[in-house]
Amino acid sequence: MGGPPSIPVWPAHLYFPRHANPRICALGVHARYSEGVRAGLVALLTIAYLLTVDLAAGAEAIPNRHQMEALYVIDHHGRNPRGEADLRLYSAPFQRIVTRCSKLNVDLLTNMAIWLADKASVMGGRRVSSLMMLQSIARRITWEKGRQPCSGIYDQAEGHLEAGDP
């Protein structure tokens, strides 16, 4: 009776929605602002989705993806590839070797590339990756058709990388 009249204080969430800026709501602009933001967000997400679909449809599948990932992970000390571009570096020489060398399958080539790269690293005293080994072997395959034995090429590629040559 002797003090000022009490004014009820309501929790802030009753005055302003959680996502709203209190200054904008107090000015009565919140409704237009939210619609504009929503429309912009919807447009942005639609464009992002369409770009993703177009890129995914245009990209070719990487053959022998599991083997490419294994080689990449070993070369990068356990780190997974960030995307298709990382694996495509491995795919081109890998496919050239698999399609041109006889007595070879994808698992054998994967293991051989790892083993030869490790051997060249130890014997040459420098870091040789399996990607470097694949590129070195593929560079020495000169024939375009048919499959031929490549055991001599594997030895040449390992020897050159061991000595520091490509």
Protein backbone atom coordinates (compact mmCIF):
# COMPACT_ATOMS: atom_id res chain seq x y z
CA MET A 1 0.00 0.00 0.00
CA GLY A 2 2.80 2.34 0.67
CA GLY A 3 5.02 1.43 -2.31
CA PRO A 4 4.82 1.77 -6.05
CA PRO A 5 2.31 -0.38 -7.88
CA SER A 6 3.77 -3.74 -8.93
CA ILE A 7 4.15 -4.39 -12.63
CA PRO A 8 3.93 -8.04 -13.63
CA VAL A 9 7.15 -9.28 -15.29
CA TRP A 10 6.62 -12.04 -17.76
CA PRO A 11 9.38 -14.33 -19.04
CA ALA A 12 11.11 -13.03 -22.18
CA HIS A 13 10.03 -16.03 -24.32
CA LEU A 14 6.43 -14.87 -24.03
CA TYR A 15 7.34 -11.51 -25.51
CA PHE A 16 9.75 -12.60 -28.21
CA PRO A 17 10.14 -15.88 -30.09
CA ARG A 18 13.48 -17.62 -29.47
CA HIS A 19 14.82 -16.86 -32.94
CA ALA A 20 13.70 -13.24 -33.04
CA ASN A 21 15.79 -10.18 -32.36
CA PRO A 22 14.02 -8.20 -29.57
CA ARG A 23 14.85 -4.88 -31.22
CA ILE A 24 13.26 -5.89 -34.50
CA CYS A 25 10.17 -7.31 -32.76
CA ALA A 26 9.77 -4.16 -30.70
CA LEU A 27 9.69 -2.17 -33.93
CA GLY A 28 7.12 -4.49 -35.48
CA VAL A 29 9.37 -5.49 -38.39
CA HIS A 30 9.89 -9.11 -37.34
CA ALA A 31 7.28 -10.66 -39.64
CA ARG A 32 8.71 -9.14 -42.85
CA TYR A 33 12.28 -9.88 -41.78
CA SER A 34 11.55 -13.54 -41.08
CA GLU A 35 9.77 -14.07 -44.39
CA GLY A 36 12.70 -12.55 -46.27
CA VAL A 37 15.20 -14.65 -44.40
CA ARG A 38 13.15 -17.78 -44.96
CA ALA A 39 12.78 -17.07 -48.67
CA GLY A 40 16.52 -16.45 -49.02
CA LEU A 41 17.38 -19.60 -47.11
CA VAL A 42 15.00 -21.71 -49.20
CA ALA A 43 16.49 -20.28 -52.41
CA LEU A 44 20.05 -20.89 -51.20
CA LEU A 45 19.32 -24.48 -50.18
CA THR A 46 17.56 -25.17 -53.48
CA ILE A 47 20.54 -23.91 -55.47
CA ALA A 48 22.96 -25.91 -53.34
CA TYR A 49 20.88 -29.06 -53.82
CA LEU A 50 20.68 -28.61 -57.60
CA LEU A 51 24.43 -28.06 -57.86
CA THR A 52 25.09 -31.16 -55.80
CA VAL A 53 22.77 -33.28 -57.93
CA ASP A 54 24.34 -31.98 -61.16
CA LEU A 55 27.87 -32.64 -59.93
CA ALA A 56 26.99 -36.10 -58.67
CA ALA A 57 25.27 -37.02 -61.93
CA GLY A 58 28.18 -35.75 -64.03
CA ALA A 59 30.89 -37.46 -62.02
CA GLU A 60 31.97 -40.90 -63.11
CA ALA A 61 32.28 -43.62 -60.54
CA ILE A 62 35.85 -44.46 -59.62
CA PRO A 63 36.59 -48.09 -60.50
CA ASN A 64 38.11 -50.17 -57.71
CA ARG A 65 37.32 -47.48 -55.16
CA HIS A 66 38.22 -49.62 -52.15
CA GLN A 67 41.73 -50.22 -53.46
CA MET A 68 42.19 -46.49 -54.23
CA GLU A 69 41.07 -45.60 -50.71
CA ALA A 70 43.46 -48.15 -49.20
CA LEU A 71 46.40 -46.72 -51.14
CA TYR A 72 45.43 -43.16 -50.21
CA VAL A 73 45.04 -43.95 -46.50
CA ILE A 74 48.44 -45.65 -46.36
CA ASP A 75 50.14 -42.80 -48.22
CA HIS A 76 48.56 -40.18 -45.94
CA HIS A 77 49.26 -41.88 -42.60
CA GLY A 78 45.69 -43.02 -41.91
CA ARG A 79 43.81 -39.94 -43.10
CA ASN A 80 40.75 -40.63 -45.28
CA PRO A 81 40.39 -38.98 -48.69
CA ARG A 82 38.42 -35.73 -48.70
CA GLY A 83 36.68 -36.48 -51.97
CA GLU A 84 36.75 -37.94 -55.43
CA ALA A 85 39.59 -35.70 -56.61
CA ASP A 86 42.00 -37.29 -54.13
CA LEU A 87 41.18 -40.76 -55.44
CA ARG A 88 41.32 -39.84 -59.13
CA LEU A 89 45.07 -39.24 -58.84
CA TYR A 90 45.46 -42.91 -57.96
CA SER A 91 42.85 -44.24 -60.36
CA ALA A 92 44.40 -43.29 -63.72
CA PRO A 93 47.77 -45.07 -63.30
CA PHE A 94 46.11 -47.94 -61.43
CA GLN A 95 43.66 -48.62 -64.27
CA ARG A 96 46.41 -48.37 -66.88
CA ILE A 97 48.46 -51.01 -65.08
CA VAL A 98 45.54 -53.37 -64.38
CA THR A 99 44.29 -53.29 -67.97
CA ARG A 100 47.71 -53.70 -69.63
CA CYS A 101 49.61 -56.15 -67.41
CA SER A 102 48.94 -59.88 -67.42
CA LYS A 103 48.85 -62.13 -64.35
CA LEU A 104 47.59 -59.27 -62.23
CA ASN A 105 44.37 -58.38 -60.41
CA VAL A 106 43.37 -55.29 -58.43
CA ASP A 107 44.21 -56.73 -55.01
CA LEU A 108 47.58 -58.01 -56.13
CA LEU A 109 48.43 -54.62 -57.66
CA THR A 110 47.35 -52.80 -54.49
CA ASN A 111 49.56 -54.96 -52.30
CA MET A 112 52.45 -54.85 -54.76
CA ALA A 113 52.34 -51.04 -55.01
CA ILE A 114 52.48 -50.76 -51.21
CA TRP A 115 55.28 -53.30 -50.94
CA LEU A 116 57.39 -51.83 -53.77
CA ALA A 117 56.96 -48.28 -52.41
CA ASP A 118 58.04 -49.45 -48.96
CA LYS A 119 61.02 -51.33 -50.41
CA ALA A 120 62.13 -48.29 -52.43
CA SER A 121 61.74 -46.09 -49.33
CA VAL A 122 63.86 -48.35 -47.14
CA MET A 123 66.57 -49.07 -49.71
CA GLY A 124 66.73 -45.54 -51.08
CA GLY A 125 66.50 -43.75 -47.75
CA ARG A 126 63.72 -41.46 -48.95
CA ARG A 127 59.92 -41.38 -48.84
CA VAL A 128 58.31 -43.17 -51.78
CA SER A 129 54.51 -43.29 -51.81
CA SER A 130 52.38 -45.89 -53.51
CA LEU A 131 51.10 -43.12 -55.81
CA MET A 132 54.66 -42.43 -56.93
CA MET A 133 55.13 -46.16 -57.53
CA LEU A 134 51.91 -46.47 -59.56
CA GLN A 135 52.87 -43.46 -61.69
CA SER A 136 56.37 -44.83 -62.23
CA ILE A 137 55.05 -48.22 -63.36
CA ALA A 138 52.34 -46.69 -65.59
CA ARG A 139 54.90 -44.39 -67.23
CA ARG A 140 56.85 -47.44 -68.42
CA ILE A 141 53.87 -49.21 -70.03
CA THR A 142 54.15 -48.24 -73.69
CA TRP A 143 51.75 -50.64 -75.41
CA GLU A 144 48.15 -49.63 -76.02
CA LYS A 145 46.38 -52.95 -76.63
CA GLY A 146 46.50 -56.33 -75.04
CA ARG A 147 48.05 -57.52 -71.83
CA GLN A 148 51.72 -58.35 -71.45
CA PRO A 149 53.92 -59.50 -68.57
CA CYS A 150 55.13 -56.53 -66.50
CA SER A 151 57.54 -58.08 -63.99
CA GLY A 152 60.52 -56.32 -65.56
CA ILE A 153 58.69 -53.00 -65.46
CA TYR A 154 57.97 -53.37 -61.74
CA ASP A 155 61.68 -53.88 -61.06
CA GLN A 156 62.66 -50.88 -63.22
CA ALA A 157 60.13 -48.60 -61.55
CA GLU A 158 61.21 -49.62 -58.06
CA GLY A 159 64.90 -49.20 -58.93
CA HIS A 160 64.40 -45.73 -60.38
CA LEU A 161 62.35 -44.51 -57.42
CA GLU A 162 64.88 -46.01 -55.02
CA ALA A 163 67.61 -43.97 -56.73
CA GLY A 164 65.51 -40.81 -56.67
CA ASP A 165 64.49 -40.79 -60.32
CA PRO A 166 60.86 -40.75 -61.54
